[in-house]
Amino acid sequence: MSGEKNSIHDGAVVNVRVAVGSGNPCKIEAVRSAFEHAFGGSVNIVISSHIVPSNVSDQPMGAEETKRGAMNRARAAFAMAKEKPDFAVGLEGGLVMETNLGEPQQNQEDAIPTLWCMAWMAILGSDSSTCTLIRADNQNDMADSSPSSTPQPQQYRQATKQVWGFAQTGHFALPPQVAQLVVKEGMELGDADDQVFDRTNGKHGSGTVGILTNGMIDRANYYDHALKLALTPWIRPDLYIPSFSS
């Protein structure tokens, strides 16, 4: 867990507690970076990491199973946290299989389908004042978004309902050598990646996306845009959370 630094909002220390359903340092750093960027540095983001099961396949296939795994991790992290978190985050990588069309019929059995790599982000939060501080601090109100506008102090709002935010990362195709190990030999992507690229535990480093992009996009970068997109219900609660304006 990160240390709790002094951070002032309306004269009080505000800690935003985020439980992450993973022990992977790349995922934890991606969550930390996205939340700190989204909240603008005016609060203290306190991260706790929790190794939790996804309760889906070791190698999720398809969007539905992958999203379910992310949700399960977020729920489990929320339940495991010692102090009740404001947010819980699940990140789940998965694959989408695309049959290679246009192959001669006799080669269909031997053809390796294209595997698209992606990940789902699931963020569990609430309609509380702490969760929606992201809106006030970033001044994302369409009615007055000028740099001079200053958020007005509001009476503290306890959580009245759970709120979910979801997003997918971009998709990219795996090399045929990697796809073959996954499809034909039933390997998980991380193991297939290590074998093809002759490395160990690559998923805790730059990941498959890092080696394929020659380091332009590492695993933490890859999750970043999707985590920020999954935060949109709290960035614009006036549009996503009916109880926010009630």
C-alpha atoms as a PDB file:
ATOM      1  CA  MET A   1       0.000   0.000   0.000  1.00  0.00           C
ATOM      2  CA  SER A   2       1.273   3.474  -0.789  1.00  0.00           C
ATOM      3  CA  GLY A   3       2.005   5.937   1.973  1.00  0.00           C
ATOM      4  CA  GLU A   4      -0.642   8.466   2.901  1.00  0.00           C
ATOM      5  CA  LYS A   5       0.782  11.903   2.138  1.00  0.00           C
ATOM      6  CA  ASN A   6      -0.833  15.165   3.215  1.00  0.00           C
ATOM      7  CA  SER A   7      -3.202  16.412   0.550  1.00  0.00           C
ATOM      8  CA  ILE A   8      -5.629  19.250   1.173  1.00  0.00           C
ATOM      9  CA  HIS A   9      -9.099  19.756  -0.298  1.00  0.00           C
ATOM     10  CA  ASP A  10     -11.296  22.461   1.270  1.00  0.00           C
ATOM     11  CA  GLY A  11      -9.007  22.457   4.298  1.00  0.00           C
ATOM     12  CA  ALA A  12      -9.130  18.721   4.964  1.00  0.00           C
ATOM     13  CA  VAL A  13      -6.938  15.764   4.109  1.00  0.00           C
ATOM     14  CA  VAL A  14      -8.613  13.689   1.405  1.00  0.00           C
ATOM     15  CA  ASN A  15      -7.435  10.151   0.727  1.00  0.00           C
ATOM     16  CA  VAL A  16      -9.011   8.344  -2.216  1.00  0.00           C
ATOM     17  CA  ARG A  17      -8.614   4.629  -1.560  1.00  0.00           C
ATOM     18  CA  VAL A  18      -8.291   2.375  -4.586  1.00  0.00           C
ATOM     19  CA  ALA A  19      -8.213  -1.424  -4.250  1.00  0.00           C
ATOM     20  CA  VAL A  20      -6.661  -3.164  -7.249  1.00  0.00           C
ATOM     21  CA  GLY A  21      -7.484  -6.795  -7.933  1.00  0.00           C
ATOM     22  CA  SER A  22      -3.967  -7.737  -8.988  1.00  0.00           C
ATOM     23  CA  GLY A  23      -0.447  -8.152  -7.685  1.00  0.00           C
ATOM     24  CA  ASN A  24       1.058  -7.346 -11.092  1.00  0.00           C
ATOM     25  CA  PRO A  25       3.265  -4.251 -10.739  1.00  0.00           C
ATOM     26  CA  CYS A  26       2.470  -3.076 -14.279  1.00  0.00           C
ATOM     27  CA  LYS A  27      -1.265  -3.093 -13.581  1.00  0.00           C
ATOM     28  CA  ILE A  28      -0.840  -1.408 -10.209  1.00  0.00           C
ATOM     29  CA  GLU A  29       1.311   1.347 -11.699  1.00  0.00           C
ATOM     30  CA  ALA A  30      -1.180   1.840 -14.547  1.00  0.00           C
ATOM     31  CA  VAL A  31      -4.028   2.281 -12.063  1.00  0.00           C
ATOM     32  CA  ARG A  32      -2.004   4.657  -9.904  1.00  0.00           C
ATOM     33  CA  SER A  33      -1.002   6.771 -12.901  1.00  0.00           C
ATOM     34  CA  ALA A  34      -4.521   6.962 -14.351  1.00  0.00           C
ATOM     35  CA  PHE A  35      -6.137   7.935 -11.045  1.00  0.00           C
ATOM     36  CA  GLU A  36      -3.470  10.505 -10.196  1.00  0.00           C
ATOM     37  CA  HIS A  37      -3.822  12.048 -13.648  1.00  0.00           C
ATOM     38  CA  ALA A  38      -7.623  12.026 -13.480  1.00  0.00           C
ATOM     39  CA  PHE A  39      -7.820  13.539  -9.998  1.00  0.00           C
ATOM     40  CA  GLY A  40      -5.241  16.163 -10.868  1.00  0.00           C
ATOM     41  CA  GLY A  41      -2.951  15.651  -7.884  1.00  0.00           C
ATOM     42  CA  SER A  42      -5.201  17.503  -5.429  1.00  0.00           C
ATOM     43  CA  VAL A  43      -5.982  14.364  -3.434  1.00  0.00           C
ATOM     44  CA  ASN A  44      -3.874  11.498  -2.172  1.00  0.00           C
ATOM     45  CA  ILE A  45      -4.408   8.269  -4.105  1.00  0.00           C
ATOM     46  CA  VAL A  46      -3.900   5.344  -1.722  1.00  0.00           C
ATOM     47  CA  ILE A  47      -3.443   2.060  -3.573  1.00  0.00           C
ATOM     48  CA  SER A  48      -3.860  -1.391  -2.064  1.00  0.00           C
ATOM     49  CA  SER A  49      -3.163  -4.470  -4.174  1.00  0.00           C
ATOM     50  CA  HIS A  50      -4.956  -7.773  -3.720  1.00  0.00           C
ATOM     51  CA  ILE A  51      -4.257 -11.073  -5.447  1.00  0.00           C
ATOM     52  CA  VAL A  52      -7.755 -12.289  -6.238  1.00  0.00           C
ATOM     53  CA  PRO A  53      -9.276 -14.889  -8.576  1.00  0.00           C
ATOM     54  CA  SER A  54     -11.010 -13.889 -11.785  1.00  0.00           C
ATOM     55  CA  ASN A  55     -13.324 -16.915 -11.656  1.00  0.00           C
ATOM     56  CA  VAL A  56     -13.088 -17.219 -15.426  1.00  0.00           C
ATOM     57  CA  SER A  57     -10.753 -19.261 -17.630  1.00  0.00           C
ATOM     58  CA  ASP A  58      -7.008 -18.862 -17.156  1.00  0.00           C
ATOM     59  CA  GLN A  59      -7.019 -17.582 -20.736  1.00  0.00           C
ATOM     60  CA  PRO A  60     -10.296 -15.700 -21.230  1.00  0.00           C
ATOM     61  CA  MET A  61     -11.689 -15.796 -24.746  1.00  0.00           C
ATOM     62  CA  GLY A  62     -14.091 -13.191 -26.037  1.00  0.00           C
ATOM     63  CA  ALA A  63     -15.291  -9.869 -24.700  1.00  0.00           C
ATOM     64  CA  GLU A  64     -18.016 -11.236 -22.433  1.00  0.00           C
ATOM     65  CA  GLU A  65     -15.793 -13.634 -20.477  1.00  0.00           C
ATOM     66  CA  THR A  66     -12.987 -11.101 -20.236  1.00  0.00           C
ATOM     67  CA  LYS A  67     -15.287  -8.355 -18.950  1.00  0.00           C
ATOM     68  CA  ARG A  68     -16.769 -10.766 -16.410  1.00  0.00           C
ATOM     69  CA  GLY A  69     -13.272 -11.573 -15.157  1.00  0.00           C
ATOM     70  CA  ALA A  70     -12.502  -7.881 -14.693  1.00  0.00           C
ATOM     71  CA  MET A  71     -15.740  -7.364 -12.749  1.00  0.00           C
ATOM     72  CA  ASN A  72     -15.035 -10.381 -10.550  1.00  0.00           C
ATOM     73  CA  ARG A  73     -11.575  -9.055  -9.715  1.00  0.00           C
ATOM     74  CA  ALA A  74     -12.948  -5.625  -8.833  1.00  0.00           C
ATOM     75  CA  ARG A  75     -15.619  -7.105  -6.554  1.00  0.00           C
ATOM     76  CA  ALA A  76     -13.088  -9.394  -4.854  1.00  0.00           C
ATOM     77  CA  ALA A  77     -10.598  -6.557  -4.316  1.00  0.00           C
ATOM     78  CA  PHE A  78     -13.356  -4.414  -2.794  1.00  0.00           C
ATOM     79  CA  ALA A  79     -14.263  -7.218  -0.384  1.00  0.00           C
ATOM     80  CA  MET A  80     -10.648  -7.989   0.545  1.00  0.00           C
ATOM     81  CA  ALA A  81      -9.503  -4.446   1.315  1.00  0.00           C
ATOM     82  CA  LYS A  82      -8.900  -3.844   5.033  1.00  0.00           C
ATOM     83  CA  GLU A  83     -10.293  -0.320   4.830  1.00  0.00           C
ATOM     84  CA  LYS A  84     -13.382   0.200   2.700  1.00  0.00           C
ATOM     85  CA  PRO A  85     -12.142   1.546  -0.637  1.00  0.00           C
ATOM     86  CA  ASP A  86     -13.679   4.360  -2.626  1.00  0.00           C
ATOM     87  CA  PHE A  87     -12.890   2.486  -5.831  1.00  0.00           C
ATOM     88  CA  ALA A  88     -12.012  -1.099  -6.723  1.00  0.00           C
ATOM     89  CA  VAL A  89     -10.411  -1.928 -10.050  1.00  0.00           C
ATOM     90  CA  GLY A  90     -10.263  -5.144 -12.044  1.00  0.00           C
ATOM     91  CA  LEU A  91      -8.116  -5.493 -15.161  1.00  0.00           C
ATOM     92  CA  GLU A  92      -8.501  -8.626 -17.252  1.00  0.00           C
ATOM     93  CA  GLY A  93      -6.679  -9.485 -20.448  1.00  0.00           C
ATOM     94  CA  GLY A  94      -8.361 -11.641 -23.047  1.00  0.00           C
ATOM     95  CA  LEU A  95      -8.301 -12.777 -26.645  1.00  0.00           C
ATOM     96  CA  VAL A  96     -10.804 -12.536 -29.466  1.00  0.00           C
ATOM     97  CA  MET A  97     -10.584 -15.199 -32.158  1.00  0.00           C
ATOM     98  CA  GLU A  98     -11.186 -14.272 -35.778  1.00  0.00           C
ATOM     99  CA  THR A  99     -11.417 -17.041 -38.355  1.00  0.00           C
ATOM    100  CA  ASN A 100      -9.139 -16.344 -41.295  1.00  0.00           C
ATOM    101  CA  LEU A 101     -11.576 -16.045 -44.166  1.00  0.00           C
ATOM    102  CA  GLY A 102     -10.588 -16.737 -47.729  1.00  0.00           C
ATOM    103  CA  GLU A 103      -8.382 -19.761 -47.004  1.00  0.00           C
ATOM    104  CA  PRO A 104      -8.820 -22.724 -49.348  1.00  0.00           C
ATOM    105  CA  GLN A 105     -11.368 -25.111 -47.878  1.00  0.00           C
ATOM    106  CA  GLN A 106      -8.898 -27.978 -47.575  1.00  0.00           C
ATOM    107  CA  ASN A 107      -6.616 -25.875 -45.394  1.00  0.00           C
ATOM    108  CA  GLN A 108      -9.247 -24.784 -42.888  1.00  0.00           C
ATOM    109  CA  GLU A 109      -8.342 -27.407 -40.278  1.00  0.00           C
ATOM    110  CA  ASP A 110      -4.683 -26.393 -40.299  1.00  0.00           C
ATOM    111  CA  ALA A 111      -5.238 -22.645 -40.530  1.00  0.00           C
ATOM    112  CA  ILE A 112      -4.324 -20.597 -37.476  1.00  0.00           C
ATOM    113  CA  PRO A 113      -7.048 -18.062 -36.708  1.00  0.00           C
ATOM    114  CA  THR A 114      -6.091 -14.492 -35.982  1.00  0.00           C
ATOM    115  CA  LEU A 115      -6.073 -13.788 -32.258  1.00  0.00           C
ATOM    116  CA  TRP A 116      -6.755 -10.230 -31.214  1.00  0.00           C
ATOM    117  CA  CYS A 117      -5.344  -9.240 -27.841  1.00  0.00           C
ATOM    118  CA  MET A 118      -7.300  -6.824 -25.649  1.00  0.00           C
ATOM    119  CA  ALA A 119      -8.188  -6.140 -22.026  1.00  0.00           C
ATOM    120  CA  TRP A 120     -11.227  -4.997 -20.101  1.00  0.00           C
ATOM    121  CA  MET A 121     -11.138  -2.456 -17.278  1.00  0.00           C
ATOM    122  CA  ALA A 122     -13.873  -2.606 -14.618  1.00  0.00           C
ATOM    123  CA  ILE A 123     -14.011   0.096 -11.950  1.00  0.00           C
ATOM    124  CA  LEU A 124     -16.417  -0.202  -9.033  1.00  0.00           C
ATOM    125  CA  GLY A 125     -17.173   3.022  -7.183  1.00  0.00           C
ATOM    126  CA  SER A 126     -20.133   4.982  -5.879  1.00  0.00           C
ATOM    127  CA  ASP A 127     -21.927   8.316  -6.089  1.00  0.00           C
ATOM    128  CA  SER A 128     -20.155   9.638  -2.978  1.00  0.00           C
ATOM    129  CA  SER A 129     -18.555  13.069  -2.775  1.00  0.00           C
ATOM    130  CA  THR A 130     -15.123  11.436  -2.600  1.00  0.00           C
ATOM    131  CA  CYS A 131     -15.599   9.503  -5.832  1.00  0.00           C
ATOM    132  CA  THR A 132     -17.001  12.525  -7.645  1.00  0.00           C
ATOM    133  CA  LEU A 133     -14.205  14.837  -6.479  1.00  0.00           C
ATOM    134  CA  ILE A 134     -12.669  13.882  -9.811  1.00  0.00           C
ATOM    135  CA  ARG A 135     -15.324  16.075 -11.425  1.00  0.00           C
ATOM    136  CA  ALA A 136     -14.853  19.076  -9.157  1.00  0.00           C
ATOM    137  CA  ASP A 137     -11.080  19.034  -9.315  1.00  0.00           C
ATOM    138  CA  ASN A 138     -11.002  18.833 -13.098  1.00  0.00           C
ATOM    139  CA  GLN A 139     -13.854  21.307 -13.623  1.00  0.00           C
ATOM    140  CA  ASN A 140     -15.432  19.134 -16.309  1.00  0.00           C
ATOM    141  CA  ASP A 141     -18.823  20.845 -16.202  1.00  0.00           C
ATOM    142  CA  MET A 142     -20.031  21.704 -19.705  1.00  0.00           C
ATOM    143  CA  ALA A 143     -21.986  24.646 -18.265  1.00  0.00           C
ATOM    144  CA  ASP A 144     -18.797  26.414 -17.170  1.00  0.00           C
ATOM    145  CA  SER A 145     -15.486  24.909 -18.231  1.00  0.00           C
ATOM    146  CA  SER A 146     -13.461  28.133 -18.351  1.00  0.00           C
ATOM    147  CA  PRO A 147     -10.053  28.055 -16.622  1.00  0.00           C
ATOM    148  CA  SER A 148     -11.216  30.712 -14.170  1.00  0.00           C
ATOM    149  CA  SER A 149     -14.198  28.731 -12.919  1.00  0.00           C
ATOM    150  CA  THR A 150     -13.697  27.485  -9.366  1.00  0.00           C
ATOM    151  CA  PRO A 151     -15.601  24.471  -7.983  1.00  0.00           C
ATOM    152  CA  GLN A 152     -17.825  25.490  -5.116  1.00  0.00           C
ATOM    153  CA  PRO A 153     -17.599  23.547  -1.843  1.00  0.00           C
ATOM    154  CA  GLN A 154     -20.444  21.054  -1.538  1.00  0.00           C
ATOM    155  CA  GLN A 155     -21.957  19.297   1.435  1.00  0.00           C
ATOM    156  CA  TYR A 156     -20.362  15.886   1.837  1.00  0.00           C
ATOM    157  CA  ARG A 157     -22.400  13.182   0.167  1.00  0.00           C
ATOM    158  CA  GLN A 158     -22.372   9.627   1.483  1.00  0.00           C
ATOM    159  CA  ALA A 159     -22.563   6.815  -1.052  1.00  0.00           C
ATOM    160  CA  THR A 160     -26.137   5.860  -1.881  1.00  0.00           C
ATOM    161  CA  LYS A 161     -25.474   3.453  -4.753  1.00  0.00           C
ATOM    162  CA  GLN A 162     -22.726   1.514  -6.467  1.00  0.00           C
ATOM    163  CA  VAL A 163     -21.532   2.811  -9.810  1.00  0.00           C
ATOM    164  CA  TRP A 164     -19.596   0.846 -12.431  1.00  0.00           C
ATOM    165  CA  GLY A 165     -17.282   2.149 -15.129  1.00  0.00           C
ATOM    166  CA  PHE A 166     -16.056  -0.007 -18.021  1.00  0.00           C
ATOM    167  CA  ALA A 167     -13.753   0.300 -21.009  1.00  0.00           C
ATOM    168  CA  GLN A 168     -11.706  -1.857 -23.366  1.00  0.00           C
ATOM    169  CA  THR A 169      -8.169  -1.282 -24.503  1.00  0.00           C
ATOM    170  CA  GLY A 170      -7.255  -1.121 -28.141  1.00  0.00           C
ATOM    171  CA  HIS A 171      -6.960  -4.465 -29.945  1.00  0.00           C
ATOM    172  CA  PHE A 172      -3.892  -5.813 -31.726  1.00  0.00           C
ATOM    173  CA  ALA A 173      -3.240  -9.055 -33.589  1.00  0.00           C
ATOM    174  CA  LEU A 174      -0.837 -11.596 -32.130  1.00  0.00           C
ATOM    175  CA  PRO A 175       1.932 -13.019 -34.336  1.00  0.00           C
ATOM    176  CA  PRO A 176       1.037 -16.417 -35.851  1.00  0.00           C
ATOM    177  CA  GLN A 177       3.756 -18.160 -33.799  1.00  0.00           C
ATOM    178  CA  VAL A 178       2.153 -16.959 -30.578  1.00  0.00           C
ATOM    179  CA  ALA A 179      -1.395 -17.628 -31.774  1.00  0.00           C
ATOM    180  CA  GLN A 180      -0.474 -21.196 -32.714  1.00  0.00           C
ATOM    181  CA  LEU A 181       0.755 -21.990 -29.201  1.00  0.00           C
ATOM    182  CA  VAL A 182      -2.449 -20.599 -27.705  1.00  0.00           C
ATOM    183  CA  VAL A 183      -4.847 -22.263 -30.155  1.00  0.00           C
ATOM    184  CA  LYS A 184      -3.112 -25.565 -30.865  1.00  0.00           C
ATOM    185  CA  GLU A 185      -1.359 -26.215 -27.545  1.00  0.00           C
ATOM    186  CA  GLY A 186      -3.701 -24.442 -25.148  1.00  0.00           C
ATOM    187  CA  MET A 187      -1.050 -22.150 -23.683  1.00  0.00           C
ATOM    188  CA  GLU A 188      -1.902 -18.943 -21.866  1.00  0.00           C
ATOM    189  CA  LEU A 189      -0.739 -15.859 -23.707  1.00  0.00           C
ATOM    190  CA  GLY A 190       1.927 -15.054 -21.111  1.00  0.00           C
ATOM    191  CA  ASP A 191       3.515 -18.505 -21.444  1.00  0.00           C
ATOM    192  CA  ALA A 192       3.324 -18.430 -25.247  1.00  0.00           C
ATOM    193  CA  ASP A 193       4.901 -14.977 -25.237  1.00  0.00           C
ATOM    194  CA  ASP A 194       7.780 -16.160 -23.038  1.00  0.00           C
ATOM    195  CA  GLN A 195       8.437 -19.158 -25.287  1.00  0.00           C
ATOM    196  CA  VAL A 196       8.354 -17.289 -28.598  1.00  0.00           C
ATOM    197  CA  PHE A 197      10.357 -14.301 -27.384  1.00  0.00           C
ATOM    198  CA  ASP A 198      12.715 -16.347 -25.183  1.00  0.00           C
ATOM    199  CA  ARG A 199      12.123 -14.491 -21.949  1.00  0.00           C
ATOM    200  CA  THR A 200      10.745 -15.096 -18.468  1.00  0.00           C
ATOM    201  CA  ASN A 201       7.618 -13.581 -16.936  1.00  0.00           C
ATOM    202  CA  GLY A 202       7.220 -10.996 -19.664  1.00  0.00           C
ATOM    203  CA  LYS A 203       3.703 -10.157 -18.465  1.00  0.00           C
ATOM    204  CA  HIS A 204       5.230  -8.529 -15.387  1.00  0.00           C
ATOM    205  CA  GLY A 205       7.390  -6.381 -17.646  1.00  0.00           C
ATOM    206  CA  SER A 206       6.608  -4.707 -20.946  1.00  0.00           C
ATOM    207  CA  GLY A 207       4.145  -7.415 -21.941  1.00  0.00           C
ATOM    208  CA  THR A 208       3.415  -8.685 -25.429  1.00  0.00           C
ATOM    209  CA  VAL A 209       2.409  -5.205 -26.549  1.00  0.00           C
ATOM    210  CA  GLY A 210       5.786  -3.847 -25.455  1.00  0.00           C
ATOM    211  CA  ILE A 211       7.873  -6.265 -27.465  1.00  0.00           C
ATOM    212  CA  LEU A 212       5.647  -5.980 -30.544  1.00  0.00           C
ATOM    213  CA  THR A 213       5.799  -2.169 -30.553  1.00  0.00           C
ATOM    214  CA  ASN A 214       9.519  -2.091 -29.768  1.00  0.00           C
ATOM    215  CA  GLY A 215       8.796  -0.368 -26.482  1.00  0.00           C
ATOM    216  CA  MET A 216       6.629   2.435 -27.870  1.00  0.00           C
ATOM    217  CA  ILE A 217       3.705   1.089 -25.821  1.00  0.00           C
ATOM    218  CA  ASP A 218       4.468  -0.884 -22.693  1.00  0.00           C
ATOM    219  CA  ARG A 219       1.903  -2.739 -20.641  1.00  0.00           C
ATOM    220  CA  ALA A 220       1.218   0.167 -18.282  1.00  0.00           C
ATOM    221  CA  ASN A 221       0.755   2.555 -21.231  1.00  0.00           C
ATOM    222  CA  TYR A 222      -1.562   0.044 -22.868  1.00  0.00           C
ATOM    223  CA  TYR A 223      -3.966   0.059 -19.919  1.00  0.00           C
ATOM    224  CA  ASP A 224      -3.794   3.818 -19.382  1.00  0.00           C
ATOM    225  CA  HIS A 225      -6.320   5.057 -21.947  1.00  0.00           C
ATOM    226  CA  ALA A 226      -8.866   2.388 -21.052  1.00  0.00           C
ATOM    227  CA  LEU A 227      -8.604   3.107 -17.318  1.00  0.00           C
ATOM    228  CA  LYS A 228      -9.230   6.796 -17.968  1.00  0.00           C
ATOM    229  CA  LEU A 229     -12.208   5.956 -20.182  1.00  0.00           C
ATOM    230  CA  ALA A 230     -13.593   3.701 -17.459  1.00  0.00           C
ATOM    231  CA  LEU A 231     -13.507   6.698 -15.092  1.00  0.00           C
ATOM    232  CA  THR A 232     -15.951   8.721 -17.216  1.00  0.00           C
ATOM    233  CA  PRO A 233     -18.978   8.085 -14.917  1.00  0.00           C
ATOM    234  CA  TRP A 234     -17.169  10.025 -12.163  1.00  0.00           C
ATOM    235  CA  ILE A 235     -15.666  12.629 -14.472  1.00  0.00           C
ATOM    236  CA  ARG A 236     -19.175  13.445 -15.730  1.00  0.00           C
ATOM    237  CA  PRO A 237     -21.521  12.217 -12.996  1.00  0.00           C
ATOM    238  CA  ASP A 238     -24.158  14.658 -14.226  1.00  0.00           C
ATOM    239  CA  LEU A 239     -24.481  12.466 -17.324  1.00  0.00           C
ATOM    240  CA  TYR A 240     -23.909   8.985 -15.899  1.00  0.00           C
ATOM    241  CA  ILE A 241     -25.175   9.007 -12.300  1.00  0.00           C
ATOM    242  CA  PRO A 242     -28.881   9.926 -11.958  1.00  0.00           C
ATOM    243  CA  SER A 243     -28.645  10.308  -8.180  1.00  0.00           C
ATOM    244  CA  PHE A 244     -25.804  12.836  -8.467  1.00  0.00           C
ATOM    245  CA  SER A 245     -28.097  15.781  -9.194  1.00  0.00           C
ATOM    246  CA  SER A 246     -31.021  14.605  -7.080  1.00  0.00           C
END
